[in-house]
């Protein structure tokens, strides 16, 4: 199943770090792309693209001005649209319904205030908790749930085949560069 992330309302300089972290979590947990709206950020695109190239794996980033265009395109292509929000239904109540056969998931992660239309067009508005917290944390918990923790079990070295890899160690750091 293909997993794509739509990050709404990227704001410079406020969201530089958080949007980068959304992309890092998305990549590490098996998403194939992140699309962001709001302000265009060439530095964000360069950083994420460079990281994917060095660490390996299939992951891309692109900017799109119109979020509705992306949502409608993915919906038309059979993707289930999931909006992560603290106002949604609890993940445990929805979780099993997400694993139905579909082309993929488009996971929407807000930045600035999310427009009402997103709540209406999403197939599922899901709360990881009904408390304020980080969109990065929400995305990580959600992706872990829908992938049955597979990204935590796999060997990144085998899966990603990057120029840089980590040798697991109980103590210390071991980085291998190819």
N, C-alpha and C. Protein backbone atom coordinates (compact mmCIF):
# COMPACT_ATOMS: atom_id res chain seq x y z
N UNK A 1 0.85 -1.18 0.00
CA UNK A 1 0.00 0.00 0.00
C UNK A 1 0.90 1.24 0.00
N UNK A 2 0.60 2.16 -0.89
CA UNK A 2 1.37 3.41 -0.96
C UNK A 2 0.87 4.37 0.11
N UNK A 3 1.82 5.03 0.76
CA UNK A 3 1.49 6.01 1.79
C UNK A 3 2.09 7.35 1.39
N UNK A 4 1.24 8.36 1.31
CA UNK A 4 1.66 9.72 0.99
C UNK A 4 1.22 10.65 2.11
N UNK A 5 2.00 11.69 2.33
CA UNK A 5 1.70 12.66 3.38
C UNK A 5 1.42 14.01 2.73
N UNK A 6 0.36 14.68 3.18
CA UNK A 6 0.06 16.04 2.76
C UNK A 6 0.19 16.94 3.98
N UNK A 7 1.20 17.79 3.97
CA UNK A 7 1.45 18.72 5.07
C UNK A 7 0.83 20.06 4.69
N UNK A 8 -0.16 20.49 5.44
CA UNK A 8 -0.87 21.74 5.13
C UNK A 8 -0.22 22.94 5.79
N UNK A 9 -0.19 24.05 5.05
CA UNK A 9 0.13 25.36 5.62
C UNK A 9 1.53 25.55 6.16
N UNK A 10 2.54 25.09 5.44
CA UNK A 10 3.93 25.31 5.86
C UNK A 10 4.22 26.81 5.90
N UNK A 11 4.76 27.28 7.04
CA UNK A 11 5.04 28.70 7.23
C UNK A 11 6.52 28.91 7.52
N UNK A 12 7.10 29.86 6.81
CA UNK A 12 8.50 30.23 7.05
C UNK A 12 8.56 31.43 7.98
N UNK A 13 9.46 31.50 8.90
CA UNK A 13 10.43 30.48 9.30
C UNK A 13 9.88 29.52 10.35
N UNK A 14 8.67 29.77 10.80
CA UNK A 14 8.08 29.05 11.93
C UNK A 14 8.11 27.52 11.79
N UNK A 15 7.81 26.99 10.62
CA UNK A 15 7.63 25.55 10.46
C UNK A 15 8.81 24.81 9.83
N UNK A 16 9.92 25.51 9.62
CA UNK A 16 11.06 24.86 8.94
C UNK A 16 11.43 23.54 9.60
N UNK A 17 11.62 23.57 10.87
CA UNK A 17 12.07 22.37 11.59
C UNK A 17 10.97 21.31 11.70
N UNK A 18 9.77 21.72 12.03
CA UNK A 18 8.69 20.74 12.25
C UNK A 18 8.32 20.03 10.95
N UNK A 19 8.27 20.76 9.83
CA UNK A 19 7.95 20.12 8.56
C UNK A 19 9.06 19.16 8.15
N UNK A 20 10.30 19.52 8.43
CA UNK A 20 11.41 18.60 8.17
C UNK A 20 11.22 17.32 8.99
N UNK A 21 10.83 17.46 10.24
CA UNK A 21 10.63 16.29 11.10
C UNK A 21 9.43 15.46 10.64
N UNK A 22 8.39 16.10 10.14
CA UNK A 22 7.27 15.35 9.56
C UNK A 22 7.78 14.50 8.40
N UNK A 23 8.62 15.08 7.54
CA UNK A 23 9.18 14.35 6.40
C UNK A 23 10.07 13.20 6.86
N UNK A 24 10.91 13.43 7.87
CA UNK A 24 11.81 12.39 8.37
C UNK A 24 11.02 11.20 8.93
N UNK A 25 10.00 11.49 9.72
CA UNK A 25 9.17 10.42 10.28
C UNK A 25 8.44 9.69 9.16
N UNK A 26 7.89 10.43 8.21
CA UNK A 26 7.18 9.81 7.09
C UNK A 26 8.08 8.83 6.36
N UNK A 27 9.28 9.25 6.04
CA UNK A 27 10.24 8.40 5.33
C UNK A 27 10.61 7.18 6.15
N UNK A 28 10.97 7.39 7.41
CA UNK A 28 11.40 6.28 8.27
C UNK A 28 10.31 5.24 8.48
N UNK A 29 9.05 5.67 8.46
CA UNK A 29 7.94 4.76 8.69
C UNK A 29 7.28 4.27 7.41
N UNK A 30 7.94 4.45 6.27
CA UNK A 30 7.49 3.80 5.05
C UNK A 30 6.68 4.61 4.06
N UNK A 31 6.47 5.89 4.30
CA UNK A 31 5.77 6.70 3.30
C UNK A 31 6.70 6.90 2.10
N UNK A 32 6.12 7.13 0.94
CA UNK A 32 6.94 7.30 -0.27
C UNK A 32 7.10 8.76 -0.66
N UNK A 33 6.28 9.64 -0.08
CA UNK A 33 6.39 11.05 -0.47
C UNK A 33 5.73 11.95 0.56
N UNK A 34 6.14 13.21 0.51
CA UNK A 34 5.47 14.26 1.25
C UNK A 34 5.20 15.39 0.26
N UNK A 35 3.99 15.90 0.32
CA UNK A 35 3.58 17.06 -0.48
C UNK A 35 3.24 18.13 0.55
N UNK A 36 3.71 19.34 0.33
CA UNK A 36 3.41 20.39 1.30
C UNK A 36 2.78 21.59 0.61
N UNK A 37 1.94 22.30 1.37
CA UNK A 37 1.30 23.52 0.89
C UNK A 37 1.75 24.66 1.79
N UNK A 38 1.24 25.84 1.52
CA UNK A 38 1.63 27.02 2.30
C UNK A 38 2.70 27.77 1.55
N UNK A 39 3.76 28.12 2.22
CA UNK A 39 4.86 28.85 1.59
C UNK A 39 5.86 27.88 0.98
N UNK A 40 6.27 28.17 -0.25
CA UNK A 40 7.28 27.34 -0.90
C UNK A 40 8.60 27.49 -0.16
N UNK A 41 9.32 26.36 0.01
CA UNK A 41 10.56 26.36 0.78
C UNK A 41 11.60 25.48 0.08
N UNK A 42 12.41 26.11 -0.75
CA UNK A 42 13.45 25.38 -1.48
C UNK A 42 14.46 24.72 -0.57
N UNK A 43 14.74 25.34 0.56
CA UNK A 43 15.68 24.77 1.52
C UNK A 43 15.14 23.47 2.11
N UNK A 44 13.87 23.44 2.42
CA UNK A 44 13.21 22.22 2.91
C UNK A 44 13.34 21.11 1.88
N UNK A 45 13.03 21.43 0.63
CA UNK A 45 13.09 20.44 -0.44
C UNK A 45 14.51 19.90 -0.61
N UNK A 46 15.50 20.79 -0.57
CA UNK A 46 16.90 20.37 -0.70
C UNK A 46 17.32 19.46 0.44
N UNK A 47 16.97 19.84 1.66
CA UNK A 47 17.35 19.05 2.84
C UNK A 47 16.75 17.65 2.79
N UNK A 48 15.47 17.56 2.51
CA UNK A 48 14.79 16.26 2.49
C UNK A 48 15.29 15.41 1.33
N UNK A 49 15.48 16.01 0.16
CA UNK A 49 15.99 15.27 -1.00
C UNK A 49 17.41 14.76 -0.74
N UNK A 50 18.24 15.60 -0.15
CA UNK A 50 19.62 15.20 0.16
C UNK A 50 19.64 14.05 1.16
N UNK A 51 18.81 14.15 2.18
CA UNK A 51 18.74 13.09 3.18
C UNK A 51 18.31 11.77 2.55
N UNK A 52 17.29 11.80 1.70
CA UNK A 52 16.82 10.58 1.05
C UNK A 52 17.91 9.98 0.15
N UNK A 53 18.66 10.84 -0.52
CA UNK A 53 19.73 10.36 -1.39
C UNK A 53 20.85 9.70 -0.57
N UNK A 54 21.24 10.34 0.52
CA UNK A 54 22.34 9.82 1.34
C UNK A 54 21.96 8.58 2.13
N UNK A 55 20.76 8.56 2.69
CA UNK A 55 20.33 7.45 3.54
C UNK A 55 19.58 6.38 2.75
N UNK A 56 19.24 6.67 1.50
CA UNK A 56 18.61 5.67 0.64
C UNK A 56 17.10 5.64 0.75
N UNK A 57 16.52 4.77 -0.05
CA UNK A 57 15.07 4.61 -0.05
C UNK A 57 14.42 5.47 -1.11
N UNK A 58 13.18 5.14 -1.38
CA UNK A 58 12.38 5.88 -2.35
C UNK A 58 11.52 6.88 -1.58
N UNK A 59 11.89 8.14 -1.62
CA UNK A 59 11.12 9.17 -0.93
C UNK A 59 11.30 10.48 -1.66
N UNK A 60 10.18 11.17 -1.90
CA UNK A 60 10.26 12.44 -2.62
C UNK A 60 9.47 13.52 -1.88
N UNK A 61 9.78 14.75 -2.23
CA UNK A 61 9.09 15.91 -1.65
C UNK A 61 8.71 16.84 -2.79
N UNK A 62 7.51 17.41 -2.70
CA UNK A 62 7.12 18.41 -3.69
C UNK A 62 6.17 19.42 -3.06
N UNK A 63 6.13 20.58 -3.69
CA UNK A 63 5.27 21.67 -3.25
C UNK A 63 4.04 21.72 -4.14
N UNK A 64 2.89 22.00 -3.54
CA UNK A 64 1.66 22.22 -4.29
C UNK A 64 0.91 23.35 -3.59
N UNK A 65 0.54 24.34 -4.37
CA UNK A 65 -0.16 25.49 -3.80
C UNK A 65 -1.58 25.13 -3.33
N UNK A 66 -2.26 24.27 -4.10
CA UNK A 66 -3.67 23.98 -3.87
C UNK A 66 -3.87 22.60 -3.23
N UNK A 67 -4.16 22.58 -1.94
CA UNK A 67 -4.33 21.31 -1.24
C UNK A 67 -5.55 20.53 -1.74
N UNK A 68 -6.61 21.25 -2.14
CA UNK A 68 -7.83 20.57 -2.61
C UNK A 68 -7.55 19.75 -3.87
N UNK A 69 -6.70 20.27 -4.74
CA UNK A 69 -6.32 19.56 -5.96
C UNK A 69 -5.68 18.21 -5.61
N UNK A 70 -4.77 18.23 -4.65
CA UNK A 70 -4.08 17.00 -4.23
C UNK A 70 -5.08 16.01 -3.64
N UNK A 71 -5.90 16.46 -2.71
CA UNK A 71 -6.87 15.57 -2.06
C UNK A 71 -7.80 14.95 -3.10
N UNK A 72 -8.33 15.76 -4.00
CA UNK A 72 -9.25 15.25 -5.02
C UNK A 72 -8.57 14.26 -5.96
N UNK A 73 -7.33 14.55 -6.34
CA UNK A 73 -6.57 13.66 -7.22
C UNK A 73 -6.34 12.29 -6.56
N UNK A 74 -5.93 12.30 -5.32
CA UNK A 74 -5.67 11.05 -4.61
C UNK A 74 -6.96 10.27 -4.36
N UNK A 75 -8.02 10.99 -4.02
CA UNK A 75 -9.31 10.34 -3.79
C UNK A 75 -9.79 9.66 -5.08
N UNK A 76 -9.63 10.35 -6.19
CA UNK A 76 -10.01 9.81 -7.51
C UNK A 76 -9.21 8.54 -7.83
N UNK A 77 -7.97 8.48 -7.35
CA UNK A 77 -7.10 7.32 -7.60
C UNK A 77 -7.26 6.22 -6.57
N UNK A 78 -8.30 6.29 -5.75
CA UNK A 78 -8.61 5.20 -4.83
C UNK A 78 -7.92 5.24 -3.48
N UNK A 79 -7.30 6.36 -3.16
CA UNK A 79 -6.65 6.49 -1.85
C UNK A 79 -7.69 6.78 -0.78
N UNK A 80 -7.45 6.30 0.41
CA UNK A 80 -8.25 6.66 1.57
C UNK A 80 -7.62 7.93 2.14
N UNK A 81 -8.44 8.93 2.40
CA UNK A 81 -7.96 10.22 2.91
C UNK A 81 -8.12 10.24 4.43
N UNK A 82 -7.00 10.37 5.12
CA UNK A 82 -6.98 10.38 6.58
C UNK A 82 -6.45 11.73 7.06
N UNK A 83 -7.22 12.37 7.90
CA UNK A 83 -6.79 13.65 8.48
C UNK A 83 -6.49 13.41 9.96
N UNK A 84 -5.25 13.66 10.37
CA UNK A 84 -4.88 13.51 11.78
C UNK A 84 -5.19 14.81 12.51
N UNK A 85 -6.06 14.73 13.50
CA UNK A 85 -6.51 15.89 14.25
C UNK A 85 -6.90 15.47 15.65
N UNK A 86 -6.68 16.31 16.64
CA UNK A 86 -7.09 15.94 17.99
C UNK A 86 -8.61 15.94 18.15
N UNK A 87 -9.33 16.45 17.15
CA UNK A 87 -10.78 16.52 17.21
C UNK A 87 -11.47 15.31 16.59
N UNK A 88 -10.70 14.39 16.03
CA UNK A 88 -11.28 13.24 15.34
C UNK A 88 -11.68 12.13 16.29
N UNK A 89 -12.07 11.00 15.68
CA UNK A 89 -12.40 9.81 16.45
C UNK A 89 -11.11 9.11 16.86
N UNK A 90 -11.12 8.45 18.02
CA UNK A 90 -9.91 7.79 18.50
C UNK A 90 -9.41 6.71 17.54
N UNK A 91 -8.11 6.65 17.34
CA UNK A 91 -7.49 5.68 16.44
C UNK A 91 -7.95 4.25 16.71
N UNK A 92 -8.01 3.78 17.96
CA UNK A 92 -8.44 2.39 18.18
C UNK A 92 -9.84 2.09 17.65
N UNK A 93 -10.71 3.09 17.59
CA UNK A 93 -12.07 2.87 17.08
C UNK A 93 -12.09 2.78 15.55
N UNK A 94 -11.14 3.40 14.89
CA UNK A 94 -11.11 3.48 13.43
C UNK A 94 -10.09 2.53 12.82
N UNK A 95 -9.04 2.24 13.56
CA UNK A 95 -7.88 1.53 13.04
C UNK A 95 -8.14 0.35 12.14
N UNK A 96 -9.00 -0.57 12.54
CA UNK A 96 -9.24 -1.77 11.74
C UNK A 96 -9.92 -1.45 10.42
N UNK A 97 -10.69 -0.40 10.36
CA UNK A 97 -11.37 -0.01 9.12
C UNK A 97 -10.40 0.56 8.09
N UNK A 98 -9.22 0.99 8.53
CA UNK A 98 -8.24 1.58 7.62
C UNK A 98 -7.49 0.55 6.80
N UNK A 99 -7.44 -0.67 7.28
CA UNK A 99 -6.62 -1.68 6.64
C UNK A 99 -7.36 -2.41 5.53
N UNK A 100 -8.50 -1.89 5.16
CA UNK A 100 -9.25 -2.46 4.04
C UNK A 100 -8.45 -2.26 2.75
N UNK A 101 -8.80 -3.01 1.74
CA UNK A 101 -8.09 -2.93 0.46
C UNK A 101 -8.31 -1.55 -0.17
N UNK A 102 -7.24 -0.85 -0.41
CA UNK A 102 -7.30 0.46 -1.06
C UNK A 102 -5.99 0.68 -1.80
N UNK A 103 -5.97 1.65 -2.69
CA UNK A 103 -4.75 1.97 -3.44
C UNK A 103 -3.66 2.50 -2.53
N UNK A 104 -4.06 3.21 -1.50
CA UNK A 104 -3.09 3.80 -0.60
C UNK A 104 -3.75 4.74 0.38
N UNK A 105 -2.92 5.37 1.18
CA UNK A 105 -3.38 6.35 2.15
C UNK A 105 -2.77 7.70 1.85
N UNK A 106 -3.58 8.73 1.88
CA UNK A 106 -3.10 10.11 1.88
C UNK A 106 -3.38 10.62 3.28
N UNK A 107 -2.31 10.87 4.02
CA UNK A 107 -2.43 11.29 5.41
C UNK A 107 -2.20 12.79 5.48
N UNK A 108 -3.20 13.51 5.97
CA UNK A 108 -3.13 14.96 6.06
C UNK A 108 -2.70 15.37 7.46
N UNK A 109 -1.65 16.20 7.50
CA UNK A 109 -1.11 16.72 8.76
C UNK A 109 -1.17 18.24 8.67
N UNK A 110 -1.86 18.85 9.61
CA UNK A 110 -2.03 20.30 9.58
C UNK A 110 -0.82 21.06 10.06
N UNK A 111 -0.82 22.33 9.75
CA UNK A 111 0.18 23.28 10.22
C UNK A 111 -0.59 24.41 10.86
N UNK A 112 -0.91 25.40 10.03
CA UNK A 112 -1.77 26.46 10.52
C UNK A 112 -3.18 25.90 10.69
N UNK A 113 -4.14 26.74 11.04
CA UNK A 113 -5.50 26.27 11.24
C UNK A 113 -6.00 25.54 9.99
N UNK A 114 -6.50 24.33 10.18
CA UNK A 114 -6.95 23.49 9.08
C UNK A 114 -8.34 23.95 8.62
N UNK A 115 -8.51 24.17 7.31
CA UNK A 115 -9.82 24.60 6.80
C UNK A 115 -10.91 23.55 7.05
N UNK A 116 -12.12 24.01 7.28
CA UNK A 116 -13.28 23.16 7.54
C UNK A 116 -13.46 22.11 6.44
N UNK A 117 -13.16 22.48 5.21
CA UNK A 117 -13.34 21.56 4.08
C UNK A 117 -12.51 20.29 4.22
N UNK A 118 -11.36 20.38 4.86
CA UNK A 118 -10.52 19.19 5.05
C UNK A 118 -11.25 18.17 5.92
N UNK A 119 -11.89 18.64 6.99
CA UNK A 119 -12.65 17.75 7.86
C UNK A 119 -13.79 17.08 7.09
N UNK A 120 -14.37 17.80 6.16
CA UNK A 120 -15.51 17.28 5.41
C UNK A 120 -15.11 16.32 4.30
N UNK A 121 -14.00 16.57 3.63
CA UNK A 121 -13.59 15.74 2.49
C UNK A 121 -12.84 14.48 2.93
N UNK A 122 -12.24 14.50 4.13
CA UNK A 122 -11.49 13.34 4.61
C UNK A 122 -12.42 12.15 4.82
N UNK A 123 -11.93 10.97 4.48
CA UNK A 123 -12.69 9.75 4.76
C UNK A 123 -12.72 9.49 6.26
N UNK A 124 -11.62 9.83 6.93
CA UNK A 124 -11.50 9.64 8.38
C UNK A 124 -10.79 10.84 8.99
N UNK A 125 -11.36 11.38 10.06
CA UNK A 125 -10.69 12.36 10.91
C UNK A 125 -10.31 11.60 12.17
N UNK A 126 -9.02 11.41 12.37
CA UNK A 126 -8.54 10.51 13.42
C UNK A 126 -7.74 11.27 14.47
N UNK A 127 -8.05 10.98 15.72
CA UNK A 127 -7.31 11.54 16.86
C UNK A 127 -6.40 10.46 17.43
N UNK A 128 -5.14 10.79 17.60
CA UNK A 128 -4.22 9.88 18.28
C UNK A 128 -4.50 9.98 19.78
N UNK A 129 -4.68 11.17 20.25
CA UNK A 129 -5.25 11.43 21.58
C UNK A 129 -6.15 12.63 21.36
N UNK A 130 -7.02 12.87 22.27
CA UNK A 130 -7.86 14.07 22.16
C UNK A 130 -7.25 15.19 23.00
N UNK A 131 -5.93 15.28 22.93
CA UNK A 131 -5.17 16.27 23.67
C UNK A 131 -4.23 16.98 22.70
N UNK A 132 -3.85 18.22 22.99
CA UNK A 132 -2.87 18.89 22.14
C UNK A 132 -1.52 18.17 22.21
N UNK A 133 -0.91 17.96 21.07
CA UNK A 133 0.45 17.40 21.01
C UNK A 133 1.01 17.64 19.62
N UNK A 134 2.17 17.12 19.37
CA UNK A 134 2.89 17.37 18.12
C UNK A 134 2.32 16.58 16.95
N UNK A 135 2.27 17.23 15.80
CA UNK A 135 1.87 16.51 14.58
C UNK A 135 2.88 15.45 14.20
N UNK A 136 4.14 15.65 14.60
CA UNK A 136 5.18 14.65 14.34
C UNK A 136 4.87 13.38 15.14
N UNK A 137 4.52 13.55 16.41
CA UNK A 137 4.17 12.40 17.25
C UNK A 137 2.93 11.70 16.72
N UNK A 138 1.92 12.47 16.34
CA UNK A 138 0.69 11.88 15.81
C UNK A 138 0.98 11.05 14.56
N UNK A 139 1.80 11.58 13.67
CA UNK A 139 2.13 10.87 12.44
C UNK A 139 2.89 9.58 12.75
N UNK A 140 3.85 9.64 13.66
CA UNK A 140 4.63 8.44 14.01
C UNK A 140 3.73 7.35 14.60
N UNK A 141 2.87 7.72 15.54
CA UNK A 141 1.98 6.73 16.16
C UNK A 141 1.04 6.15 15.11
N UNK A 142 0.48 7.01 14.27
CA UNK A 142 -0.46 6.53 13.25
C UNK A 142 0.23 5.59 12.27
N UNK A 143 1.40 5.98 11.75
CA UNK A 143 2.10 5.13 10.79
C UNK A 143 2.53 3.81 11.42
N UNK A 144 2.95 3.85 12.66
CA UNK A 144 3.30 2.60 13.35
C UNK A 144 2.07 1.69 13.40
N UNK A 145 0.92 2.25 13.69
CA UNK A 145 -0.32 1.47 13.79
C UNK A 145 -0.71 0.86 12.44
N UNK A 146 -0.74 1.66 11.40
CA UNK A 146 -1.23 1.15 10.10
C UNK A 146 -0.24 0.22 9.42
N UNK A 147 1.03 0.28 9.81
CA UNK A 147 2.03 -0.61 9.22
C UNK A 147 2.33 -1.81 10.12
N UNK A 148 1.55 -1.98 11.19
CA UNK A 148 1.77 -3.08 12.15
C UNK A 148 3.21 -3.11 12.66
N UNK A 149 3.79 -1.96 12.85
CA UNK A 149 5.16 -1.80 13.36
C UNK A 149 6.23 -2.40 12.46
N UNK A 150 5.92 -2.69 11.21
CA UNK A 150 6.91 -3.27 10.29
C UNK A 150 8.16 -2.41 10.14
N UNK A 151 8.04 -1.08 10.04
CA UNK A 151 9.26 -0.28 9.91
C UNK A 151 10.22 -0.44 11.09
N UNK A 152 9.71 -0.80 12.26
CA UNK A 152 10.57 -0.99 13.42
C UNK A 152 11.28 -2.34 13.38
N UNK A 153 10.76 -3.26 12.59
CA UNK A 153 11.31 -4.62 12.52
C UNK A 153 12.31 -4.80 11.39
N UNK A 154 12.18 -4.01 10.34
CA UNK A 154 13.01 -4.24 9.15
C UNK A 154 14.42 -3.70 9.32
N UNK A 155 15.28 -4.20 8.49
CA UNK A 155 16.66 -3.71 8.46
C UNK A 155 16.72 -2.53 7.51
N UNK A 156 17.06 -1.38 8.04
CA UNK A 156 17.16 -0.20 7.19
C UNK A 156 18.24 -0.37 6.15
N UNK A 157 19.28 -1.10 6.49
CA UNK A 157 20.37 -1.31 5.56
C UNK A 157 19.90 -2.08 4.33
N UNK A 158 19.08 -3.10 4.54
CA UNK A 158 18.56 -3.89 3.42
C UNK A 158 17.48 -3.13 2.66
N UNK A 159 16.63 -2.45 3.39
CA UNK A 159 15.49 -1.75 2.79
C UNK A 159 15.90 -0.50 2.02
N UNK A 160 16.78 0.31 2.60
CA UNK A 160 17.06 1.62 2.04
C UNK A 160 18.30 1.68 1.16
N UNK A 161 19.30 0.86 1.43
CA UNK A 161 20.51 0.80 0.60
C UNK A 161 21.13 2.18 0.37
N UNK A 162 21.29 2.94 1.42
CA UNK A 162 21.84 4.28 1.30
C UNK A 162 23.36 4.32 1.36
N UNK A 163 23.89 5.52 1.16
CA UNK A 163 25.33 5.74 1.25
C UNK A 163 25.79 5.75 2.71
N UNK A 164 24.86 6.03 3.61
CA UNK A 164 25.14 6.07 5.04
C UNK A 164 24.23 5.05 5.72
N UNK A 165 24.79 4.32 6.67
CA UNK A 165 23.96 3.42 7.46
C UNK A 165 24.49 3.34 8.88
N UNK A 166 23.62 2.93 9.76
CA UNK A 166 23.95 2.81 11.17
C UNK A 166 24.12 1.34 11.51
N UNK A 167 25.19 1.04 12.19
CA UNK A 167 25.40 -0.31 12.73
C UNK A 167 24.79 -0.30 14.13
N UNK A 168 23.73 -1.10 14.38
CA UNK A 168 23.12 -1.10 15.71
C UNK A 168 24.15 -1.43 16.79
N UNK A 169 24.05 -0.73 17.90
CA UNK A 169 25.01 -0.90 18.98
C UNK A 169 24.32 -0.68 20.32
N UNK A 170 24.66 -1.52 21.28
CA UNK A 170 24.08 -1.35 22.61
C UNK A 170 24.60 -0.07 23.26
N UNK A 171 25.86 0.25 22.97
CA UNK A 171 26.47 1.47 23.51
C UNK A 171 27.33 2.10 22.42
N UNK A 172 27.28 3.40 22.33
CA UNK A 172 28.11 4.09 21.36
C UNK A 172 27.41 4.29 20.02
N UNK A 173 28.18 4.80 19.07
CA UNK A 173 27.66 5.11 17.74
C UNK A 173 28.58 4.50 16.70
N UNK A 174 27.99 3.84 15.72
CA UNK A 174 28.80 3.31 14.63
C UNK A 174 28.09 3.65 13.32
N UNK A 175 28.70 4.56 12.57
CA UNK A 175 28.16 5.01 11.29
C UNK A 175 29.06 4.48 10.19
N UNK A 176 28.45 3.88 9.19
CA UNK A 176 29.20 3.33 8.06
C UNK A 176 28.83 4.11 6.81
N UNK A 177 29.85 4.61 6.13
CA UNK A 177 29.63 5.36 4.88
C UNK A 177 30.16 4.54 3.73
N UNK A 178 29.32 4.32 2.74
CA UNK A 178 29.71 3.56 1.54
C UNK A 178 30.28 4.48 0.48
